[in-house]
Amino acid sequence: MPRAIAPERIEQLIRTATDVFIAEGYRRTQMEDVAQALGVAKGTLYGYVESKATLFDACVRCADGHEPLPDQSALPLLTPKAGSTVASVQARLMKEVRDLELLAALARERPADPAAELGTIVRDLYVRMSRNRWGIKLVDRCAQDQPELAAVWFGQGRWGQHAALVQYLEMRSAKGLLRRTPITHVAARAVLETVAFWAVHRHWDPSPQEVAEENVQAAVVDLVLHGLLKGSP
């Protein structure tokens, strides 16, 4: 194993590579870019990963801590089988969807408290996006260079979530529990993008505002509730 990177720097390699992929996208990222950002020779990286595809796969799996960092005994990591990175993203999406508050609400005929239900949905979306922020930013940036990944990420992920929220808003507004918006799919997209910006994208803002996470979440929930609840000022 090369001595240029100590074992404890595997995590730094993952984080640095994730930053580079996010900045450049998958196609434009070169191993030399990652090596330069990490401050090592390009050849050093090949003691850890066999290829750029391997490095991207490791970042997708490990950047948010959902899978453990690779053990030194497994290095260098071999190039993943075709489709395995996409499969891991799909599995992670499905795991999040299983207990999504939005889907639980769709199965509910009528909530006892519409405001509480909507607030729970928005908080749940915020928490899920926040704990997956590195993976979301990474895959969102790189999926455009990988058609199979894009099909899962945008088709099953982003647009699947959007379709569920559209259905929810239409169902609750039809019962008079939420305000009917002029174009439901625009309202749904506005909600999701607002949550995504504050839970994910603001952390890459070149001019960030320092706000406590719990205060941000509370403000986002309040904004959505006042925009969608009937009779809100």
C-alpha atoms as a PDB file:
ATOM      1  CA  MET A   1       0.000   0.000   0.000  1.00  0.00           C
ATOM      2  CA  PRO A   2       1.426   3.433  -0.871  1.00  0.00           C
ATOM      3  CA  ARG A   3       2.738   5.499   2.026  1.00  0.00           C
ATOM      4  CA  ALA A   4       1.728   8.867   0.508  1.00  0.00           C
ATOM      5  CA  ILE A   5      -1.739   8.612   2.056  1.00  0.00           C
ATOM      6  CA  ALA A   6      -2.066   7.306   5.597  1.00  0.00           C
ATOM      7  CA  PRO A   7      -4.934   4.881   6.352  1.00  0.00           C
ATOM      8  CA  GLU A   8      -6.896   7.561   8.198  1.00  0.00           C
ATOM      9  CA  ARG A   9      -6.939   9.636   5.031  1.00  0.00           C
ATOM     10  CA  ILE A  10      -9.267   7.269   3.174  1.00  0.00           C
ATOM     11  CA  GLU A  11     -12.160   9.373   4.434  1.00  0.00           C
ATOM     12  CA  GLN A  12     -10.405  12.492   3.184  1.00  0.00           C
ATOM     13  CA  LEU A  13      -9.963  10.847  -0.214  1.00  0.00           C
ATOM     14  CA  ILE A  14     -13.702  10.131  -0.427  1.00  0.00           C
ATOM     15  CA  ARG A  15     -14.647  13.659   0.614  1.00  0.00           C
ATOM     16  CA  THR A  16     -12.107  15.292  -1.697  1.00  0.00           C
ATOM     17  CA  ALA A  17     -13.144  13.160  -4.662  1.00  0.00           C
ATOM     18  CA  THR A  18     -16.805  13.914  -3.943  1.00  0.00           C
ATOM     19  CA  ASP A  19     -16.039  17.634  -3.985  1.00  0.00           C
ATOM     20  CA  VAL A  20     -14.262  17.307  -7.322  1.00  0.00           C
ATOM     21  CA  PHE A  21     -17.073  15.266  -8.909  1.00  0.00           C
ATOM     22  CA  ILE A  22     -19.594  17.839  -7.687  1.00  0.00           C
ATOM     23  CA  ALA A  23     -17.555  20.715  -9.076  1.00  0.00           C
ATOM     24  CA  GLU A  24     -16.678  19.167 -12.442  1.00  0.00           C
ATOM     25  CA  GLY A  25     -19.268  16.480 -13.130  1.00  0.00           C
ATOM     26  CA  TYR A  26     -18.407  12.873 -13.895  1.00  0.00           C
ATOM     27  CA  ARG A  27     -17.236  13.237 -17.495  1.00  0.00           C
ATOM     28  CA  ARG A  28     -14.866  16.140 -16.878  1.00  0.00           C
ATOM     29  CA  THR A  29     -13.353  14.815 -13.660  1.00  0.00           C
ATOM     30  CA  GLN A  30      -9.952  13.205 -14.103  1.00  0.00           C
ATOM     31  CA  MET A  31      -7.973  11.219 -11.577  1.00  0.00           C
ATOM     32  CA  GLU A  32      -5.281  13.869 -11.823  1.00  0.00           C
ATOM     33  CA  ASP A  33      -7.817  16.465 -10.647  1.00  0.00           C
ATOM     34  CA  VAL A  34      -8.561  14.426  -7.526  1.00  0.00           C
ATOM     35  CA  ALA A  35      -4.879  13.798  -6.863  1.00  0.00           C
ATOM     36  CA  GLN A  36      -4.098  17.495  -7.170  1.00  0.00           C
ATOM     37  CA  ALA A  37      -6.938  18.435  -4.821  1.00  0.00           C
ATOM     38  CA  LEU A  38      -5.710  15.851  -2.326  1.00  0.00           C
ATOM     39  CA  GLY A  39      -2.083  16.923  -2.712  1.00  0.00           C
ATOM     40  CA  VAL A  40      -0.654  13.594  -3.868  1.00  0.00           C
ATOM     41  CA  ALA A  41       0.715  12.085  -7.065  1.00  0.00           C
ATOM     42  CA  LYS A  42      -1.852  10.613  -9.440  1.00  0.00           C
ATOM     43  CA  GLY A  43      -0.246   7.183  -9.179  1.00  0.00           C
ATOM     44  CA  THR A  44      -0.938   7.176  -5.446  1.00  0.00           C
ATOM     45  CA  LEU A  45      -4.690   7.059  -6.082  1.00  0.00           C
ATOM     46  CA  TYR A  46      -4.379   3.800  -7.954  1.00  0.00           C
ATOM     47  CA  GLY A  47      -3.221   2.169  -4.744  1.00  0.00           C
ATOM     48  CA  TYR A  48      -6.714   2.873  -3.454  1.00  0.00           C
ATOM     49  CA  VAL A  49      -8.996   2.593  -6.471  1.00  0.00           C
ATOM     50  CA  GLU A  50      -8.578   0.896  -9.813  1.00  0.00           C
ATOM     51  CA  SER A  51     -10.378   3.540 -11.892  1.00  0.00           C
ATOM     52  CA  LYS A  52     -12.449   6.710 -11.909  1.00  0.00           C
ATOM     53  CA  ALA A  53     -15.593   4.551 -11.983  1.00  0.00           C
ATOM     54  CA  THR A  54     -14.381   2.853  -8.793  1.00  0.00           C
ATOM     55  CA  LEU A  55     -13.769   6.168  -7.092  1.00  0.00           C
ATOM     56  CA  PHE A  56     -17.203   7.481  -8.072  1.00  0.00           C
ATOM     57  CA  ASP A  57     -18.845   4.292  -6.804  1.00  0.00           C
ATOM     58  CA  ALA A  58     -17.046   4.641  -3.457  1.00  0.00           C
ATOM     59  CA  CYS A  59     -18.147   8.270  -3.181  1.00  0.00           C
ATOM     60  CA  VAL A  60     -21.784   7.394  -3.928  1.00  0.00           C
ATOM     61  CA  ARG A  61     -21.768   4.682  -1.273  1.00  0.00           C
ATOM     62  CA  CYS A  62     -19.695   6.331   1.450  1.00  0.00           C
ATOM     63  CA  ALA A  63     -19.889  10.137   1.213  1.00  0.00           C
ATOM     64  CA  ASP A  64     -22.866  10.369   3.594  1.00  0.00           C
ATOM     65  CA  GLY A  65     -21.683   7.551   5.846  1.00  0.00           C
ATOM     66  CA  HIS A  66     -24.464   5.168   4.799  1.00  0.00           C
ATOM     67  CA  GLU A  67     -21.879   2.498   4.021  1.00  0.00           C
ATOM     68  CA  PRO A  68     -18.629   2.084   5.973  1.00  0.00           C
ATOM     69  CA  LEU A  69     -15.374   3.264   4.477  1.00  0.00           C
ATOM     70  CA  PRO A  70     -13.464   0.483   2.718  1.00  0.00           C
ATOM     71  CA  ASP A  71     -11.047  -1.468   4.852  1.00  0.00           C
ATOM     72  CA  GLN A  72      -7.369  -1.259   3.948  1.00  0.00           C
ATOM     73  CA  SER A  73      -7.365  -4.975   3.214  1.00  0.00           C
ATOM     74  CA  ALA A  74      -9.810  -4.372   0.335  1.00  0.00           C
ATOM     75  CA  LEU A  75      -7.547  -1.837  -1.388  1.00  0.00           C
ATOM     76  CA  PRO A  76      -7.184  -1.147  -4.182  1.00  0.00           C
ATOM     77  CA  LEU A  77     -10.921  -1.256  -4.823  1.00  0.00           C
ATOM     78  CA  LEU A  78     -11.748  -2.922  -8.112  1.00  0.00           C
ATOM     79  CA  THR A  79     -13.914  -1.409 -10.843  1.00  0.00           C
ATOM     80  CA  PRO A  80     -17.557  -2.211  -9.985  1.00  0.00           C
ATOM     81  CA  LYS A  81     -19.623  -4.469 -12.199  1.00  0.00           C
ATOM     82  CA  ALA A  82     -21.709  -2.705 -14.812  1.00  0.00           C
ATOM     83  CA  GLY A  83     -24.866  -1.315 -13.270  1.00  0.00           C
ATOM     84  CA  SER A  84     -23.851  -1.843  -9.644  1.00  0.00           C
ATOM     85  CA  THR A  85     -23.460   1.867  -8.859  1.00  0.00           C
ATOM     86  CA  VAL A  86     -26.885   2.600 -10.327  1.00  0.00           C
ATOM     87  CA  ALA A  87     -28.315  -0.341  -8.376  1.00  0.00           C
ATOM     88  CA  SER A  88     -26.893   1.055  -5.122  1.00  0.00           C
ATOM     89  CA  VAL A  89     -28.501   4.440  -5.803  1.00  0.00           C
ATOM     90  CA  GLN A  90     -31.808   2.742  -6.606  1.00  0.00           C
ATOM     91  CA  ALA A  91     -31.652   0.674  -3.420  1.00  0.00           C
ATOM     92  CA  ARG A  92     -30.961   3.786  -1.346  1.00  0.00           C
ATOM     93  CA  LEU A  93     -33.923   5.556  -2.944  1.00  0.00           C
ATOM     94  CA  MET A  94     -36.211   2.613  -2.253  1.00  0.00           C
ATOM     95  CA  LYS A  95     -35.042   2.442   1.365  1.00  0.00           C
ATOM     96  CA  GLU A  96     -35.950   6.096   1.869  1.00  0.00           C
ATOM     97  CA  VAL A  97     -39.314   5.699   0.141  1.00  0.00           C
ATOM     98  CA  ARG A  98     -40.499   2.773   2.280  1.00  0.00           C
ATOM     99  CA  ASP A  99     -41.434   4.925   5.273  1.00  0.00           C
ATOM    100  CA  LEU A 100     -41.831   8.296   3.580  1.00  0.00           C
ATOM    101  CA  GLU A 101     -44.417  10.430   5.420  1.00  0.00           C
ATOM    102  CA  LEU A 102     -45.721  11.661   2.077  1.00  0.00           C
ATOM    103  CA  LEU A 103     -46.699   8.146   1.024  1.00  0.00           C
ATOM    104  CA  ALA A 104     -48.251   7.451   4.417  1.00  0.00           C
ATOM    105  CA  ALA A 105     -50.393  10.563   3.947  1.00  0.00           C
ATOM    106  CA  LEU A 106     -51.521   9.394   0.514  1.00  0.00           C
ATOM    107  CA  ALA A 107     -52.858   6.220   2.113  1.00  0.00           C
ATOM    108  CA  ARG A 108     -54.810   8.274   4.656  1.00  0.00           C
ATOM    109  CA  GLU A 109     -58.376   9.189   3.715  1.00  0.00           C
ATOM    110  CA  ARG A 110     -58.572  12.315   5.851  1.00  0.00           C
ATOM    111  CA  PRO A 111     -56.143  13.678   8.471  1.00  0.00           C
ATOM    112  CA  ALA A 112     -57.304  14.796  11.868  1.00  0.00           C
ATOM    113  CA  ASP A 113     -55.150  17.918  11.525  1.00  0.00           C
ATOM    114  CA  PRO A 114     -54.183  19.037   7.983  1.00  0.00           C
ATOM    115  CA  ALA A 115     -51.561  21.487   9.282  1.00  0.00           C
ATOM    116  CA  ALA A 116     -49.868  18.819  11.400  1.00  0.00           C
ATOM    117  CA  GLU A 117     -49.904  16.367   8.503  1.00  0.00           C
ATOM    118  CA  LEU A 118     -48.369  18.835   6.044  1.00  0.00           C
ATOM    119  CA  GLY A 119     -45.792  19.958   8.583  1.00  0.00           C
ATOM    120  CA  THR A 120     -44.794  16.354   9.228  1.00  0.00           C
ATOM    121  CA  ILE A 121     -44.404  15.721   5.487  1.00  0.00           C
ATOM    122  CA  VAL A 122     -42.172  18.763   4.967  1.00  0.00           C
ATOM    123  CA  ARG A 123     -40.020  18.028   8.027  1.00  0.00           C
ATOM    124  CA  ASP A 124     -39.600  14.437   6.887  1.00  0.00           C
ATOM    125  CA  LEU A 125     -38.498  15.527   3.412  1.00  0.00           C
ATOM    126  CA  TYR A 126     -36.084  18.043   4.934  1.00  0.00           C
ATOM    127  CA  VAL A 127     -34.487  15.509   7.280  1.00  0.00           C
ATOM    128  CA  ARG A 128     -34.096  12.906   4.533  1.00  0.00           C
ATOM    129  CA  MET A 129     -32.536  15.375   2.112  1.00  0.00           C
ATOM    130  CA  SER A 130     -30.247  16.737   4.803  1.00  0.00           C
ATOM    131  CA  ARG A 131     -28.857  13.351   5.848  1.00  0.00           C
ATOM    132  CA  ASN A 132     -28.274  12.418   2.200  1.00  0.00           C
ATOM    133  CA  ARG A 133     -26.991  15.817   1.076  1.00  0.00           C
ATOM    134  CA  TRP A 134     -23.591  14.696  -0.237  1.00  0.00           C
ATOM    135  CA  GLY A 135     -25.096  11.855  -2.237  1.00  0.00           C
ATOM    136  CA  ILE A 136     -27.883  14.072  -3.573  1.00  0.00           C
ATOM    137  CA  LYS A 137     -25.475  16.776  -4.687  1.00  0.00           C
ATOM    138  CA  LEU A 138     -23.073  14.227  -6.160  1.00  0.00           C
ATOM    139  CA  VAL A 139     -25.605  12.195  -8.123  1.00  0.00           C
ATOM    140  CA  ASP A 140     -27.587  15.263  -9.180  1.00  0.00           C
ATOM    141  CA  ARG A 141     -24.402  16.732 -10.697  1.00  0.00           C
ATOM    142  CA  CYS A 142     -23.102  13.561 -12.328  1.00  0.00           C
ATOM    143  CA  ALA A 143     -26.291  11.829 -13.524  1.00  0.00           C
ATOM    144  CA  GLN A 144     -26.411  13.980 -16.651  1.00  0.00           C
ATOM    145  CA  ASP A 145     -23.238  12.224 -17.849  1.00  0.00           C
ATOM    146  CA  GLN A 146     -24.622   8.723 -17.187  1.00  0.00           C
ATOM    147  CA  PRO A 147     -27.982   7.905 -18.861  1.00  0.00           C
ATOM    148  CA  GLU A 148     -28.743   4.822 -16.731  1.00  0.00           C
ATOM    149  CA  LEU A 149     -28.073   6.740 -13.537  1.00  0.00           C
ATOM    150  CA  ALA A 150     -30.156   9.667 -14.801  1.00  0.00           C
ATOM    151  CA  ALA A 151     -33.108   7.382 -15.508  1.00  0.00           C
ATOM    152  CA  VAL A 152     -33.135   6.141 -11.908  1.00  0.00           C
ATOM    153  CA  TRP A 153     -32.232   9.414 -10.229  1.00  0.00           C
ATOM    154  CA  PHE A 154     -34.561  11.711 -12.116  1.00  0.00           C
ATOM    155  CA  GLY A 155     -37.253   9.226 -13.135  1.00  0.00           C
ATOM    156  CA  GLN A 156     -37.694   7.225  -9.938  1.00  0.00           C
ATOM    157  CA  GLY A 157     -36.198   9.747  -7.536  1.00  0.00           C
ATOM    158  CA  ARG A 158     -36.926  13.379  -8.276  1.00  0.00           C
ATOM    159  CA  TRP A 159     -39.969  12.998 -10.531  1.00  0.00           C
ATOM    160  CA  GLY A 160     -41.391  10.101  -8.547  1.00  0.00           C
ATOM    161  CA  GLN A 161     -41.314  12.265  -5.437  1.00  0.00           C
ATOM    162  CA  HIS A 162     -42.789  15.176  -7.360  1.00  0.00           C
ATOM    163  CA  ALA A 163     -45.651  13.040  -8.695  1.00  0.00           C
ATOM    164  CA  ALA A 164     -46.485  11.856  -5.175  1.00  0.00           C
ATOM    165  CA  LEU A 165     -46.571  15.423  -3.865  1.00  0.00           C
ATOM    166  CA  VAL A 166     -48.768  16.548  -6.772  1.00  0.00           C
ATOM    167  CA  GLN A 167     -51.179  13.717  -5.949  1.00  0.00           C
ATOM    168  CA  TYR A 168     -51.195  14.688  -2.273  1.00  0.00           C
ATOM    169  CA  LEU A 169     -51.870  18.376  -2.954  1.00  0.00           C
ATOM    170  CA  GLU A 170     -54.664  17.567  -5.384  1.00  0.00           C
ATOM    171  CA  MET A 171     -56.233  15.073  -2.983  1.00  0.00           C
ATOM    172  CA  ARG A 172     -56.191  17.414   0.012  1.00  0.00           C
ATOM    173  CA  SER A 173     -57.288  20.495  -1.930  1.00  0.00           C
ATOM    174  CA  ALA A 174     -60.193  18.535  -3.451  1.00  0.00           C
ATOM    175  CA  LYS A 175     -61.405  17.874   0.109  1.00  0.00           C
ATOM    176  CA  GLY A 176     -61.028  21.550   0.983  1.00  0.00           C
ATOM    177  CA  LEU A 177     -58.193  20.893   3.446  1.00  0.00           C
ATOM    178  CA  LEU A 178     -55.465  22.749   1.527  1.00  0.00           C
ATOM    179  CA  ARG A 179     -55.586  25.810  -0.659  1.00  0.00           C
ATOM    180  CA  ARG A 180     -56.067  25.038  -4.340  1.00  0.00           C
ATOM    181  CA  THR A 181     -53.096  26.438  -6.256  1.00  0.00           C
ATOM    182  CA  PRO A 182     -53.285  27.682  -9.882  1.00  0.00           C
ATOM    183  CA  ILE A 183     -50.921  24.966 -11.185  1.00  0.00           C
ATOM    184  CA  THR A 184     -50.422  22.060  -8.804  1.00  0.00           C
ATOM    185  CA  HIS A 185     -47.286  20.655 -10.380  1.00  0.00           C
ATOM    186  CA  VAL A 186     -45.603  24.055 -10.124  1.00  0.00           C
ATOM    187  CA  ALA A 187     -46.589  24.338  -6.449  1.00  0.00           C
ATOM    188  CA  ALA A 188     -45.224  20.841  -5.780  1.00  0.00           C
ATOM    189  CA  ARG A 189     -41.956  21.636  -7.532  1.00  0.00           C
ATOM    190  CA  ALA A 190     -41.670  24.904  -5.580  1.00  0.00           C
ATOM    191  CA  VAL A 191     -42.072  23.039  -2.289  1.00  0.00           C
ATOM    192  CA  LEU A 192     -39.493  20.383  -3.189  1.00  0.00           C
ATOM    193  CA  GLU A 193     -36.959  22.869  -4.532  1.00  0.00           C
ATOM    194  CA  THR A 194     -37.328  25.060  -1.441  1.00  0.00           C
ATOM    195  CA  VAL A 195     -36.690  22.091   0.821  1.00  0.00           C
ATOM    196  CA  ALA A 196     -33.809  20.909  -1.376  1.00  0.00           C
ATOM    197  CA  PHE A 197     -32.101  24.290  -1.416  1.00  0.00           C
ATOM    198  CA  TRP A 198     -32.112  24.715   2.353  1.00  0.00           C
ATOM    199  CA  ALA A 199     -31.432  21.070   3.234  1.00  0.00           C
ATOM    200  CA  VAL A 200     -28.821  20.435   0.537  1.00  0.00           C
ATOM    201  CA  HIS A 201     -27.706  23.115  -1.883  1.00  0.00           C
ATOM    202  CA  ARG A 202     -27.151  25.993   0.553  1.00  0.00           C
ATOM    203  CA  HIS A 203     -24.156  24.082   1.907  1.00  0.00           C
ATOM    204  CA  TRP A 204     -22.435  24.683  -1.429  1.00  0.00           C
ATOM    205  CA  ASP A 205     -23.526  28.316  -1.674  1.00  0.00           C
ATOM    206  CA  PRO A 206     -20.469  30.502  -2.425  1.00  0.00           C
ATOM    207  CA  SER A 207     -21.968  33.189  -0.178  1.00  0.00           C
ATOM    208  CA  PRO A 208     -23.615  31.217   2.649  1.00  0.00           C
ATOM    209  CA  GLN A 209     -25.641  32.523   5.555  1.00  0.00           C
ATOM    210  CA  GLU A 210     -24.841  31.063   8.965  1.00  0.00           C
ATOM    211  CA  VAL A 211     -28.165  29.813  10.337  1.00  0.00           C
ATOM    212  CA  ALA A 212     -28.731  26.989  12.808  1.00  0.00           C
ATOM    213  CA  GLU A 213     -30.092  23.880  11.112  1.00  0.00           C
ATOM    214  CA  GLU A 214     -33.139  23.602  13.368  1.00  0.00           C
ATOM    215  CA  ASN A 215     -34.053  27.228  12.634  1.00  0.00           C
ATOM    216  CA  VAL A 216     -33.749  26.679   8.902  1.00  0.00           C
ATOM    217  CA  GLN A 217     -35.996  23.632   9.053  1.00  0.00           C
ATOM    218  CA  ALA A 218     -38.589  25.492  11.124  1.00  0.00           C
ATOM    219  CA  ALA A 219     -38.581  28.426   8.693  1.00  0.00           C
ATOM    220  CA  VAL A 220     -39.049  26.151   5.676  1.00  0.00           C
ATOM    221  CA  VAL A 221     -41.956  24.325   7.311  1.00  0.00           C
ATOM    222  CA  ASP A 222     -43.563  27.628   8.288  1.00  0.00           C
ATOM    223  CA  LEU A 223     -43.213  28.974   4.746  1.00  0.00           C
ATOM    224  CA  VAL A 224     -44.846  25.918   3.157  1.00  0.00           C
ATOM    225  CA  LEU A 225     -47.669  25.839   5.691  1.00  0.00           C
ATOM    226  CA  HIS A 226     -48.507  29.508   5.145  1.00  0.00           C
ATOM    227  CA  GLY A 227     -48.428  28.988   1.397  1.00  0.00           C
ATOM    228  CA  LEU A 228     -50.729  25.949   1.275  1.00  0.00           C
ATOM    229  CA  LEU A 229     -53.060  26.007   4.274  1.00  0.00           C
ATOM    230  CA  LYS A 230     -56.488  27.467   3.705  1.00  0.00           C
ATOM    231  CA  GLY A 231     -57.036  30.756   5.488  1.00  0.00           C
ATOM    232  CA  SER A 232     -53.316  31.383   6.059  1.00  0.00           C
ATOM    233  CA  PRO A 233     -52.463  35.097   6.062  1.00  0.00           C
END
